[in-house]
Amino acid sequence: MFLLSCLSFSTMVLFCLAMDKHREQIIDIELPQLFVRTFRPLAWLLLVMTFYISTELYGWSIGPAFFFGALTAALLPLILLLTYKAKIVPILAIILPLAASVYFILN
């Protein structure tokens, strides 16, 4: 569940970076438009991969429920971070999936 939540968090951060308002809130530098346009397809790809991982780990009977639960669990911290500490969101979007992957491999 930790892996799914971390991947969902990174997915939602990519969706935030695809929007002008949130991108300005999260990062200070101006990104090229071609680079910005890749955020949304990458987010959808990561979302589909997260769903696939969920169904592989838990099966088709409970996997989708775990996926939506992890997505919900990832959105609350993101919303709070965007409100109060938006600058650490990109750092967490990189560190959390790596930590979750290491945790998943070791267990």
PDB file of N, CA and C in Angstrom:
ATOM      1  N   MET A   1       0.829  -1.193   0.000  1.00  0.00           N
ATOM      2  CA  MET A   1       0.000   0.000   0.000  1.00  0.00           C
ATOM      3  C   MET A   1       0.875   1.259   0.000  1.00  0.00           C
ATOM      4  N   PHE A   2       2.028   1.152   0.681  1.00  0.00           N
ATOM      5  CA  PHE A   2       2.943   2.297   0.726  1.00  0.00           C
ATOM      6  C   PHE A   2       3.480   2.623  -0.668  1.00  0.00           C
ATOM      7  N   LEU A   3       3.820   1.589  -1.428  1.00  0.00           N
ATOM      8  CA  LEU A   3       4.294   1.788  -2.795  1.00  0.00           C
ATOM      9  C   LEU A   3       3.223   2.452  -3.654  1.00  0.00           C
ATOM     10  N   LEU A   4       1.997   1.991  -3.542  1.00  0.00           N
ATOM     11  CA  LEU A   4       0.905   2.568  -4.334  1.00  0.00           C
ATOM     12  C   LEU A   4       0.657   4.021  -3.961  1.00  0.00           C
ATOM     13  N   SER A   5       0.715   4.340  -2.673  1.00  0.00           N
ATOM     14  CA  SER A   5       0.502   5.724  -2.235  1.00  0.00           C
ATOM     15  C   SER A   5       1.604   6.642  -2.740  1.00  0.00           C
ATOM     16  N   CYS A   6       2.831   6.168  -2.696  1.00  0.00           N
ATOM     17  CA  CYS A   6       3.941   7.000  -3.168  1.00  0.00           C
ATOM     18  C   CYS A   6       3.886   7.223  -4.673  1.00  0.00           C
ATOM     19  N   LEU A   7       3.544   6.180  -5.424  1.00  0.00           N
ATOM     20  CA  LEU A   7       3.403   6.343  -6.870  1.00  0.00           C
ATOM     21  C   LEU A   7       2.222   7.252  -7.217  1.00  0.00           C
ATOM     22  N   SER A   8       1.153   7.146  -6.453  1.00  0.00           N
ATOM     23  CA  SER A   8       0.001   8.027  -6.672  1.00  0.00           C
ATOM     24  C   SER A   8       0.355   9.472  -6.360  1.00  0.00           C
ATOM     25  N   PHE A   9       1.161   9.681  -5.324  1.00  0.00           N
ATOM     26  CA  PHE A   9       1.608  11.035  -4.986  1.00  0.00           C
ATOM     27  C   PHE A   9       2.408  11.633  -6.143  1.00  0.00           C
ATOM     28  N   SER A  10       3.340  10.856  -6.685  1.00  0.00           N
ATOM     29  CA  SER A  10       4.141  11.352  -7.813  1.00  0.00           C
ATOM     30  C   SER A  10       3.282  11.613  -9.047  1.00  0.00           C
ATOM     31  N   THR A  11       2.283  10.782  -9.260  1.00  0.00           N
ATOM     32  CA  THR A  11       1.366  10.992 -10.378  1.00  0.00           C
ATOM     33  C   THR A  11       0.628  12.309 -10.237  1.00  0.00           C
ATOM     34  N   MET A  12       0.119  12.574  -9.054  1.00  0.00           N
ATOM     35  CA  MET A  12      -0.622  13.815  -8.841  1.00  0.00           C
ATOM     36  C   MET A  12       0.289  15.037  -8.917  1.00  0.00           C
ATOM     37  N   VAL A  13       1.553  14.881  -8.532  1.00  0.00           N
ATOM     38  CA  VAL A  13       2.505  15.986  -8.678  1.00  0.00           C
ATOM     39  C   VAL A  13       2.751  16.275 -10.156  1.00  0.00           C
ATOM     40  N   LEU A  14       2.834  15.234 -10.970  1.00  0.00           N
ATOM     41  CA  LEU A  14       2.978  15.457 -12.410  1.00  0.00           C
ATOM     42  C   LEU A  14       1.760  16.169 -12.986  1.00  0.00           C
ATOM     43  N   PHE A  15       0.566  15.799 -12.514  1.00  0.00           N
ATOM     44  CA  PHE A  15      -0.625  16.525 -12.961  1.00  0.00           C
ATOM     45  C   PHE A  15      -0.576  17.984 -12.511  1.00  0.00           C
ATOM     46  N   CYS A  16      -0.075  18.234 -11.308  1.00  0.00           N
ATOM     47  CA  CYS A  16       0.058  19.613 -10.832  1.00  0.00           C
ATOM     48  C   CYS A  16       1.059  20.397 -11.670  1.00  0.00           C
ATOM     49  N   LEU A  17       2.161  19.754 -12.043  1.00  0.00           N
ATOM     50  CA  LEU A  17       3.151  20.430 -12.870  1.00  0.00           C
ATOM     51  C   LEU A  17       2.639  20.704 -14.279  1.00  0.00           C
ATOM     52  N   ALA A  18       1.633  19.985 -14.713  1.00  0.00           N
ATOM     53  CA  ALA A  18       1.053  20.216 -16.035  1.00  0.00           C
ATOM     54  C   ALA A  18       0.159  21.457 -16.046  1.00  0.00           C
ATOM     55  N   MET A  19      -0.256  21.920 -14.872  1.00  0.00           N
ATOM     56  CA  MET A  19      -1.119  23.104 -14.780  1.00  0.00           C
ATOM     57  C   MET A  19      -0.278  24.334 -14.441  1.00  0.00           C
ATOM     58  N   ASP A  20      -0.555  25.435 -15.122  1.00  0.00           N
ATOM     59  CA  ASP A  20       0.239  26.651 -14.942  1.00  0.00           C
ATOM     60  C   ASP A  20       0.217  27.167 -13.505  1.00  0.00           C
ATOM     61  N   LYS A  21      -0.947  27.230 -12.919  1.00  0.00           N
ATOM     62  CA  LYS A  21      -1.079  27.795 -11.573  1.00  0.00           C
ATOM     63  C   LYS A  21      -0.256  27.011 -10.557  1.00  0.00           C
ATOM     64  N   HIS A  22      -0.377  25.694 -10.576  1.00  0.00           N
ATOM     65  CA  HIS A  22       0.345  24.876  -9.609  1.00  0.00           C
ATOM     66  C   HIS A  22       1.838  24.820  -9.927  1.00  0.00           C
ATOM     67  N   ARG A  23       2.190  24.837 -11.205  1.00  0.00           N
ATOM     68  CA  ARG A  23       3.603  24.817 -11.571  1.00  0.00           C
ATOM     69  C   ARG A  23       4.306  26.064 -11.048  1.00  0.00           C
ATOM     70  N   GLU A  24       3.668  27.218 -11.161  1.00  0.00           N
ATOM     71  CA  GLU A  24       4.246  28.452 -10.624  1.00  0.00           C
ATOM     72  C   GLU A  24       4.345  28.410  -9.108  1.00  0.00           C
ATOM     73  N   GLN A  25       3.436  27.712  -8.482  1.00  0.00           N
ATOM     74  CA  GLN A  25       3.434  27.591  -7.037  1.00  0.00           C
ATOM     75  C   GLN A  25       4.552  26.652  -6.556  1.00  0.00           C
ATOM     76  N   ILE A  26       4.844  25.613  -7.334  1.00  0.00           N
ATOM     77  CA  ILE A  26       5.798  24.591  -6.921  1.00  0.00           C
ATOM     78  C   ILE A  26       7.233  24.961  -7.280  1.00  0.00           C
ATOM     79  N   ILE A  27       7.457  25.395  -8.514  1.00  0.00           N
ATOM     80  CA  ILE A  27       8.822  25.709  -8.953  1.00  0.00           C
ATOM     81  C   ILE A  27       8.894  27.156  -9.426  1.00  0.00           C
ATOM     82  N   ASP A  28      10.084  27.731  -9.293  1.00  0.00           N
ATOM     83  CA  ASP A  28      10.267  29.140  -9.640  1.00  0.00           C
ATOM     84  C   ASP A  28      10.791  29.351 -11.053  1.00  0.00           C
ATOM     85  N   ILE A  29      11.397  28.355 -11.642  1.00  0.00           N
ATOM     86  CA  ILE A  29      11.993  28.535 -12.958  1.00  0.00           C
ATOM     87  C   ILE A  29      10.957  28.345 -14.060  1.00  0.00           C
ATOM     88  N   GLU A  30      11.209  28.957 -15.170  1.00  0.00           N
ATOM     89  CA  GLU A  30      10.334  28.832 -16.338  1.00  0.00           C
ATOM     90  C   GLU A  30      10.782  27.632 -17.161  1.00  0.00           C
ATOM     91  N   LEU A  31       9.871  26.728 -17.425  1.00  0.00           N
ATOM     92  CA  LEU A  31      10.185  25.532 -18.189  1.00  0.00           C
ATOM     93  C   LEU A  31       9.753  25.707 -19.641  1.00  0.00           C
ATOM     94  N   PRO A  32      10.474  25.088 -20.577  1.00  0.00           N
ATOM     95  CA  PRO A  32      10.043  25.146 -21.982  1.00  0.00           C
ATOM     96  C   PRO A  32       8.678  24.482 -22.164  1.00  0.00           C
ATOM     97  N   GLN A  33       7.902  25.007 -23.079  1.00  0.00           N
ATOM     98  CA  GLN A  33       6.539  24.525 -23.299  1.00  0.00           C
ATOM     99  C   GLN A  33       6.513  23.066 -23.740  1.00  0.00           C
ATOM    100  N   LEU A  34       7.481  22.646 -24.521  1.00  0.00           N
ATOM    101  CA  LEU A  34       7.555  21.253 -24.944  1.00  0.00           C
ATOM    102  C   LEU A  34       7.758  20.333 -23.737  1.00  0.00           C
ATOM    103  N   PHE A  35       8.557  20.770 -22.798  1.00  0.00           N
ATOM    104  CA  PHE A  35       8.806  20.004 -21.585  1.00  0.00           C
ATOM    105  C   PHE A  35       7.543  19.923 -20.723  1.00  0.00           C
ATOM    106  N   VAL A  36       6.812  21.025 -20.655  1.00  0.00           N
ATOM    107  CA  VAL A  36       5.589  21.077 -19.848  1.00  0.00           C
ATOM    108  C   VAL A  36       4.514  20.171 -20.438  1.00  0.00           C
ATOM    109  N   ARG A  37       4.444  20.082 -21.738  1.00  0.00           N
ATOM    110  CA  ARG A  37       3.424  19.256 -22.387  1.00  0.00           C
ATOM    111  C   ARG A  37       3.623  17.763 -22.172  1.00  0.00           C
ATOM    112  N   THR A  38       4.814  17.366 -21.748  1.00  0.00           N
ATOM    113  CA  THR A  38       5.052  15.950 -21.491  1.00  0.00           C
ATOM    114  C   THR A  38       4.592  15.515 -20.101  1.00  0.00           C
ATOM    115  N   PHE A  39       4.316  16.466 -19.213  1.00  0.00           N
ATOM    116  CA  PHE A  39       3.920  16.105 -17.849  1.00  0.00           C
ATOM    117  C   PHE A  39       2.596  15.348 -17.807  1.00  0.00           C
ATOM    118  N   ARG A  40       1.615  15.796 -18.548  1.00  0.00           N
ATOM    119  CA  ARG A  40       0.301  15.148 -18.500  1.00  0.00           C
ATOM    120  C   ARG A  40       0.337  13.713 -19.047  1.00  0.00           C
ATOM    121  N   PRO A  41       0.939  13.444 -20.216  1.00  0.00           N
ATOM    122  CA  PRO A  41       1.012  12.041 -20.661  1.00  0.00           C
ATOM    123  C   PRO A  41       1.833  11.161 -19.708  1.00  0.00           C
ATOM    124  N   LEU A  42       2.895  11.713 -19.138  1.00  0.00           N
ATOM    125  CA  LEU A  42       3.671  10.945 -18.170  1.00  0.00           C
ATOM    126  C   LEU A  42       2.850  10.630 -16.926  1.00  0.00           C
ATOM    127  N   ALA A  43       2.033  11.583 -16.502  1.00  0.00           N
ATOM    128  CA  ALA A  43       1.177  11.355 -15.339  1.00  0.00           C
ATOM    129  C   ALA A  43       0.165  10.251 -15.623  1.00  0.00           C
ATOM    130  N   TRP A  44      -0.429  10.277 -16.804  1.00  0.00           N
ATOM    131  CA  TRP A  44      -1.386   9.221 -17.149  1.00  0.00           C
ATOM    132  C   TRP A  44      -0.697   7.864 -17.233  1.00  0.00           C
ATOM    133  N   LEU A  45       0.501   7.836 -17.785  1.00  0.00           N
ATOM    134  CA  LEU A  45       1.249   6.584 -17.869  1.00  0.00           C
ATOM    135  C   LEU A  45       1.572   6.046 -16.474  1.00  0.00           C
ATOM    136  N   LEU A  46       2.003   6.915 -15.576  1.00  0.00           N
ATOM    137  CA  LEU A  46       2.303   6.495 -14.210  1.00  0.00           C
ATOM    138  C   LEU A  46       1.038   6.062 -13.473  1.00  0.00           C
ATOM    139  N   LEU A  47      -0.078   6.701 -13.757  1.00  0.00           N
ATOM    140  CA  LEU A  47      -1.343   6.313 -13.143  1.00  0.00           C
ATOM    141  C   LEU A  47      -1.765   4.913 -13.597  1.00  0.00           C
ATOM    142  N   VAL A  48      -1.614   4.638 -14.878  1.00  0.00           N
ATOM    143  CA  VAL A  48      -1.945   3.312 -15.396  1.00  0.00           C
ATOM    144  C   VAL A  48      -0.988   2.264 -14.829  1.00  0.00           C
ATOM    145  N   MET A  49       0.289   2.604 -14.709  1.00  0.00           N
ATOM    146  CA  MET A  49       1.252   1.673 -14.122  1.00  0.00           C
ATOM    147  C   MET A  49       0.930   1.392 -12.663  1.00  0.00           C
ATOM    148  N   THR A  50       0.496   2.402 -11.937  1.00  0.00           N
ATOM    149  CA  THR A  50       0.121   2.218 -10.538  1.00  0.00           C
ATOM    150  C   THR A  50      -1.091   1.298 -10.430  1.00  0.00           C
ATOM    151  N   PHE A  51      -2.059   1.482 -11.316  1.00  0.00           N
ATOM    152  CA  PHE A  51      -3.221   0.597 -11.328  1.00  0.00           C
ATOM    153  C   PHE A  51      -2.809  -0.835 -11.648  1.00  0.00           C
ATOM    154  N   TYR A  52      -1.908  -0.995 -12.595  1.00  0.00           N
ATOM    155  CA  TYR A  52      -1.425  -2.326 -12.959  1.00  0.00           C
ATOM    156  C   TYR A  52      -0.708  -2.988 -11.778  1.00  0.00           C
ATOM    157  N   ILE A  53       0.146  -2.235 -11.093  1.00  0.00           N
ATOM    158  CA  ILE A  53       0.852  -2.767  -9.922  1.00  0.00           C
ATOM    159  C   ILE A  53      -0.141  -3.168  -8.844  1.00  0.00           C
ATOM    160  N   SER A  54      -1.167  -2.359  -8.655  1.00  0.00           N
ATOM    161  CA  SER A  54      -2.181  -2.662  -7.653  1.00  0.00           C
ATOM    162  C   SER A  54      -2.903  -3.972  -7.966  1.00  0.00           C
ATOM    163  N   THR A  55      -3.269  -4.146  -9.213  1.00  0.00           N
ATOM    164  CA  THR A  55      -3.978  -5.375  -9.568  1.00  0.00           C
ATOM    165  C   THR A  55      -3.055  -6.587  -9.568  1.00  0.00           C
ATOM    166  N   GLU A  56      -1.771  -6.395  -9.844  1.00  0.00           N
ATOM    167  CA  GLU A  56      -0.824  -7.506  -9.782  1.00  0.00           C
ATOM    168  C   GLU A  56      -0.561  -7.925  -8.333  1.00  0.00           C
ATOM    169  N   LEU A  57      -0.479  -6.956  -7.441  1.00  0.00           N
ATOM    170  CA  LEU A  57      -0.196  -7.270  -6.041  1.00  0.00           C
ATOM    171  C   LEU A  57      -1.405  -7.861  -5.317  1.00  0.00           C
ATOM    172  N   TYR A  58      -2.584  -7.315  -5.579  1.00  0.00           N
ATOM    173  CA  TYR A  58      -3.758  -7.683  -4.797  1.00  0.00           C
ATOM    174  C   TYR A  58      -4.834  -8.420  -5.589  1.00  0.00           C
ATOM    175  N   GLY A  59      -4.660  -8.561  -6.892  1.00  0.00           N
ATOM    176  CA  GLY A  59      -5.653  -9.250  -7.708  1.00  0.00           C
ATOM    177  C   GLY A  59      -6.776  -8.319  -8.143  1.00  0.00           C
ATOM    178  N   TRP A  60      -7.603  -8.830  -9.056  1.00  0.00           N
ATOM    179  CA  TRP A  60      -8.689  -8.012  -9.596  1.00  0.00           C
ATOM    180  C   TRP A  60      -9.856  -7.853  -8.633  1.00  0.00           C
ATOM    181  N   SER A  61      -9.913  -8.656  -7.617  1.00  0.00           N
ATOM    182  CA  SER A  61     -11.041  -8.549  -6.695  1.00  0.00           C
ATOM    183  C   SER A  61     -10.894  -7.346  -5.760  1.00  0.00           C
ATOM    184  N   ILE A  62      -9.687  -7.094  -5.237  1.00  0.00           N
ATOM    185  CA  ILE A  62      -9.499  -6.013  -4.273  1.00  0.00           C
ATOM    186  C   ILE A  62      -8.483  -4.969  -4.757  1.00  0.00           C
ATOM    187  N   GLY A  63      -7.754  -5.279  -5.830  1.00  0.00           N
ATOM    188  CA  GLY A  63      -6.737  -4.370  -6.349  1.00  0.00           C
ATOM    189  C   GLY A  63      -7.241  -2.983  -6.709  1.00  0.00           C
ATOM    190  N   PRO A  64      -8.362  -2.865  -7.448  1.00  0.00           N
ATOM    191  CA  PRO A  64      -8.865  -1.522  -7.747  1.00  0.00           C
ATOM    192  C   PRO A  64      -9.264  -0.723  -6.496  1.00  0.00           C
ATOM    193  N   ALA A  65      -9.776  -1.402  -5.490  1.00  0.00           N
ATOM    194  CA  ALA A  65     -10.122  -0.702  -4.242  1.00  0.00           C
ATOM    195  C   ALA A  65      -8.868  -0.189  -3.553  1.00  0.00           C
ATOM    196  N   PHE A  66      -7.791  -0.989  -3.547  1.00  0.00           N
ATOM    197  CA  PHE A  66      -6.523  -0.531  -2.983  1.00  0.00           C
ATOM    198  C   PHE A  66      -5.963   0.634  -3.788  1.00  0.00           C
ATOM    199  N   PHE A  67      -6.120   0.581  -5.104  1.00  0.00           N
ATOM    200  CA  PHE A  67      -5.632   1.664  -5.955  1.00  0.00           C
ATOM    201  C   PHE A  67      -6.318   2.982  -5.614  1.00  0.00           C
ATOM    202  N   PHE A  68      -7.650   2.967  -5.537  1.00  0.00           N
ATOM    203  CA  PHE A  68      -8.363   4.205  -5.230  1.00  0.00           C
ATOM    204  C   PHE A  68      -8.134   4.649  -3.796  1.00  0.00           C
ATOM    205  N   GLY A  69      -7.930   3.710  -2.897  1.00  0.00           N
ATOM    206  CA  GLY A  69      -7.585   4.067  -1.526  1.00  0.00           C
ATOM    207  C   GLY A  69      -6.226   4.733  -1.447  1.00  0.00           C
ATOM    208  N   ALA A  70      -5.252   4.196  -2.181  1.00  0.00           N
ATOM    209  CA  ALA A  70      -3.915   4.795  -2.204  1.00  0.00           C
ATOM    210  C   ALA A  70      -3.942   6.165  -2.869  1.00  0.00           C
ATOM    211  N   LEU A  71      -4.748   6.300  -3.902  1.00  0.00           N
ATOM    212  CA  LEU A  71      -4.880   7.593  -4.573  1.00  0.00           C
ATOM    213  C   LEU A  71      -5.468   8.630  -3.627  1.00  0.00           C
ATOM    214  N   THR A  72      -6.466   8.240  -2.874  1.00  0.00           N
ATOM    215  CA  THR A  72      -7.065   9.141  -1.900  1.00  0.00           C
ATOM    216  C   THR A  72      -6.078   9.484  -0.794  1.00  0.00           C
ATOM    217  N   ALA A  73      -5.332   8.481  -0.326  1.00  0.00           N
ATOM    218  CA  ALA A  73      -4.355   8.712   0.735  1.00  0.00           C
ATOM    219  C   ALA A  73      -3.211   9.604   0.267  1.00  0.00           C
ATOM    220  N   ALA A  74      -2.902   9.600  -1.008  1.00  0.00           N
ATOM    221  CA  ALA A  74      -1.830  10.447  -1.533  1.00  0.00           C
ATOM    222  C   ALA A  74      -2.285  11.874  -1.773  1.00  0.00           C
ATOM    223  N   LEU A  75      -3.568  12.072  -2.011  1.00  0.00           N
ATOM    224  CA  LEU A  75      -4.052  13.413  -2.326  1.00  0.00           C
ATOM    225  C   LEU A  75      -4.118  14.337  -1.109  1.00  0.00           C
ATOM    226  N   LEU A  76      -4.436  13.812   0.044  1.00  0.00           N
ATOM    227  CA  LEU A  76      -4.533  14.667   1.235  1.00  0.00           C
ATOM    228  C   LEU A  76      -3.202  15.321   1.578  1.00  0.00           C
ATOM    229  N   PRO A  77      -2.091  14.576   1.672  1.00  0.00           N
ATOM    230  CA  PRO A  77      -0.820  15.262   1.934  1.00  0.00           C
ATOM    231  C   PRO A  77      -0.434  16.240   0.830  1.00  0.00           C
ATOM    232  N   LEU A  78      -0.739  15.895  -0.409  1.00  0.00           N
ATOM    233  CA  LEU A  78      -0.414  16.807  -1.510  1.00  0.00           C
ATOM    234  C   LEU A  78      -1.190  18.108  -1.391  1.00  0.00           C
ATOM    235  N   ILE A  79      -2.453  18.019  -1.090  1.00  0.00           N
ATOM    236  CA  ILE A  79      -3.266  19.226  -0.933  1.00  0.00           C
ATOM    237  C   ILE A  79      -2.733  20.095   0.205  1.00  0.00           C
ATOM    238  N   LEU A  80      -2.401  19.455   1.322  1.00  0.00           N
ATOM    239  CA  LEU A  80      -1.872  20.214   2.459  1.00  0.00           C
ATOM    240  C   LEU A  80      -0.507  20.812   2.136  1.00  0.00           C
ATOM    241  N   LEU A  81       0.333  20.068   1.444  1.00  0.00           N
ATOM    242  CA  LEU A  81       1.645  20.600   1.078  1.00  0.00           C
ATOM    243  C   LEU A  81       1.527  21.740   0.076  1.00  0.00           C
ATOM    244  N   LEU A  82       0.612  21.647  -0.866  1.00  0.00           N
ATOM    245  CA  LEU A  82       0.425  22.745  -1.817  1.00  0.00           C
ATOM    246  C   LEU A  82      -0.058  24.006  -1.113  1.00  0.00           C
ATOM    247  N   THR A  83      -0.768  23.818  -0.018  1.00  0.00           N
ATOM    248  CA  THR A  83      -1.273  24.971   0.718  1.00  0.00           C
ATOM    249  C   THR A  83      -0.196  25.627   1.575  1.00  0.00           C
ATOM    250  N   TYR A  84       0.639  24.817   2.229  1.00  0.00           N
ATOM    251  CA  TYR A  84       1.544  25.370   3.228  1.00  0.00           C
ATOM    252  C   TYR A  84       3.020  25.308   2.850  1.00  0.00           C
ATOM    253  N   LYS A  85       3.486  24.268   2.195  1.00  0.00           N
ATOM    254  CA  LYS A  85       4.907  24.108   1.870  1.00  0.00           C
ATOM    255  C   LYS A  85       5.060  23.588   0.440  1.00  0.00           C
ATOM    256  N   ALA A  86       4.695  24.379  -0.517  1.00  0.00           N
ATOM    257  CA  ALA A  86       4.661  23.916  -1.908  1.00  0.00           C
ATOM    258  C   ALA A  86       6.044  23.641  -2.489  1.00  0.00           C
ATOM    259  N   LYS A  87       7.068  24.245  -1.973  1.00  0.00           N
ATOM    260  CA  LYS A  87       8.403  24.093  -2.561  1.00  0.00           C
ATOM    261  C   LYS A  87       9.013  22.717  -2.327  1.00  0.00           C
ATOM    262  N   ILE A  88       8.548  21.955  -1.333  1.00  0.00           N
ATOM    263  CA  ILE A  88       9.124  20.636  -1.091  1.00  0.00           C
ATOM    264  C   ILE A  88       8.398  19.516  -1.847  1.00  0.00           C
ATOM    265  N   VAL A  89       7.346  19.860  -2.550  1.00  0.00           N
ATOM    266  CA  VAL A  89       6.563  18.858  -3.278  1.00  0.00           C
ATOM    267  C   VAL A  89       7.387  18.139  -4.345  1.00  0.00           C
ATOM    268  N   PRO A  90       8.170  18.818  -5.192  1.00  0.00           N
ATOM    269  CA  PRO A  90       8.941  18.067  -6.207  1.00  0.00           C
ATOM    270  C   PRO A  90       9.987  17.140  -5.586  1.00  0.00           C
ATOM    271  N   ILE A  91      10.568  17.553  -4.471  1.00  0.00           N
ATOM    272  CA  ILE A  91      11.558  16.714  -3.799  1.00  0.00           C
ATOM    273  C   ILE A  91      10.892  15.443  -3.288  1.00  0.00           C
ATOM    274  N   LEU A  92       9.741  15.586  -2.659  1.00  0.00           N
ATOM    275  CA  LEU A  92       9.016  14.423  -2.157  1.00  0.00           C
ATOM    276  C   LEU A  92       8.527  13.524  -3.286  1.00  0.00           C
ATOM    277  N   ALA A  93       8.185  14.115  -4.412  1.00  0.00           N
ATOM    278  CA  ALA A  93       7.706  13.321  -5.550  1.00  0.00           C
ATOM    279  C   ALA A  93       8.795  12.422  -6.112  1.00  0.00           C
ATOM    280  N   ILE A  94      10.043  12.770  -5.884  1.00  0.00           N
ATOM    281  CA  ILE A  94      11.153  11.938  -6.339  1.00  0.00           C
ATOM    282  C   ILE A  94      11.571  10.952  -5.252  1.00  0.00           C
ATOM    283  N   ILE A  95      11.656  11.417  -4.015  1.00  0.00           N
ATOM    284  CA  ILE A  95      12.168  10.592  -2.921  1.00  0.00           C
ATOM    285  C   ILE A  95      11.188   9.498  -2.507  1.00  0.00           C
ATOM    286  N   LEU A  96       9.904   9.807  -2.412  1.00  0.00           N
ATOM    287  CA  LEU A  96       8.936   8.829  -1.913  1.00  0.00           C
ATOM    288  C   LEU A  96       8.841   7.552  -2.757  1.00  0.00           C
ATOM    289  N   PRO A  97       8.736   7.623  -4.083  1.00  0.00           N
ATOM    290  CA  PRO A  97       8.687   6.363  -4.845  1.00  0.00           C
ATOM    291  C   PRO A  97       9.982   5.559  -4.760  1.00  0.00           C
ATOM    292  N   LEU A  98      11.119   6.248  -4.661  1.00  0.00           N
ATOM    293  CA  LEU A  98      12.377   5.524  -4.507  1.00  0.00           C
ATOM    294  C   LEU A  98      12.427   4.800  -3.172  1.00  0.00           C
ATOM    295  N   ALA A  99      12.008   5.480  -2.107  1.00  0.00           N
ATOM    296  CA  ALA A  99      11.983   4.851  -0.786  1.00  0.00           C
ATOM    297  C   ALA A  99      10.991   3.694  -0.746  1.00  0.00           C
ATOM    298  N   ALA A 100       9.848   3.866  -1.374  1.00  0.00           N
ATOM    299  CA  ALA A 100       8.847   2.804  -1.401  1.00  0.00           C
ATOM    300  C   ALA A 100       9.341   1.609  -2.211  1.00  0.00           C
ATOM    301  N   SER A 101      10.057   1.856  -3.297  1.00  0.00           N
ATOM    302  CA  SER A 101      10.595   0.761  -4.100  1.00  0.00           C
ATOM    303  C   SER A 101      11.627  -0.036  -3.310  1.00  0.00           C
ATOM    304  N   VAL A 102      12.497   0.664  -2.598  1.00  0.00           N
ATOM    305  CA  VAL A 102      13.493  -0.017  -1.775  1.00  0.00           C
ATOM    306  C   VAL A 102      12.790  -0.831  -0.679  1.00  0.00           C
ATOM    307  N   TYR A 103      11.794  -0.244  -0.055  1.00  0.00           N
ATOM    308  CA  TYR A 103      11.041  -0.943   0.982  1.00  0.00           C
ATOM    309  C   TYR A 103      10.340  -2.190   0.412  1.00  0.00           C
ATOM    310  N   PHE A 104       9.795  -2.045  -0.784  1.00  0.00           N
ATOM    311  CA  PHE A 104       9.088  -3.173  -1.432  1.00  0.00           C
ATOM    312  C   PHE A 104      10.065  -4.287  -1.799  1.00  0.00           C
ATOM    313  N   ILE A 105      11.253  -3.920  -2.261  1.00  0.00           N
ATOM    314  CA  ILE A 105      12.249  -4.923  -2.661  1.00  0.00           C
ATOM    315  C   ILE A 105      12.781  -5.662  -1.433  1.00  0.00           C
ATOM    316  N   LEU A 106      12.994  -4.947  -0.343  1.00  0.00           N
ATOM    317  CA  LEU A 106      13.557  -5.566   0.845  1.00  0.00           C
ATOM    318  C   LEU A 106      12.569  -6.462   1.574  1.00  0.00           C
ATOM    319  N   ASN A 107      11.300  -6.230   1.397  1.00  0.00           N
ATOM    320  CA  ASN A 107      10.298  -7.075   2.080  1.00  0.00           C
ATOM    321  C   ASN A 107       9.847  -8.166   1.220  1.00  0.00           C
TER     322      ASN A 107
END
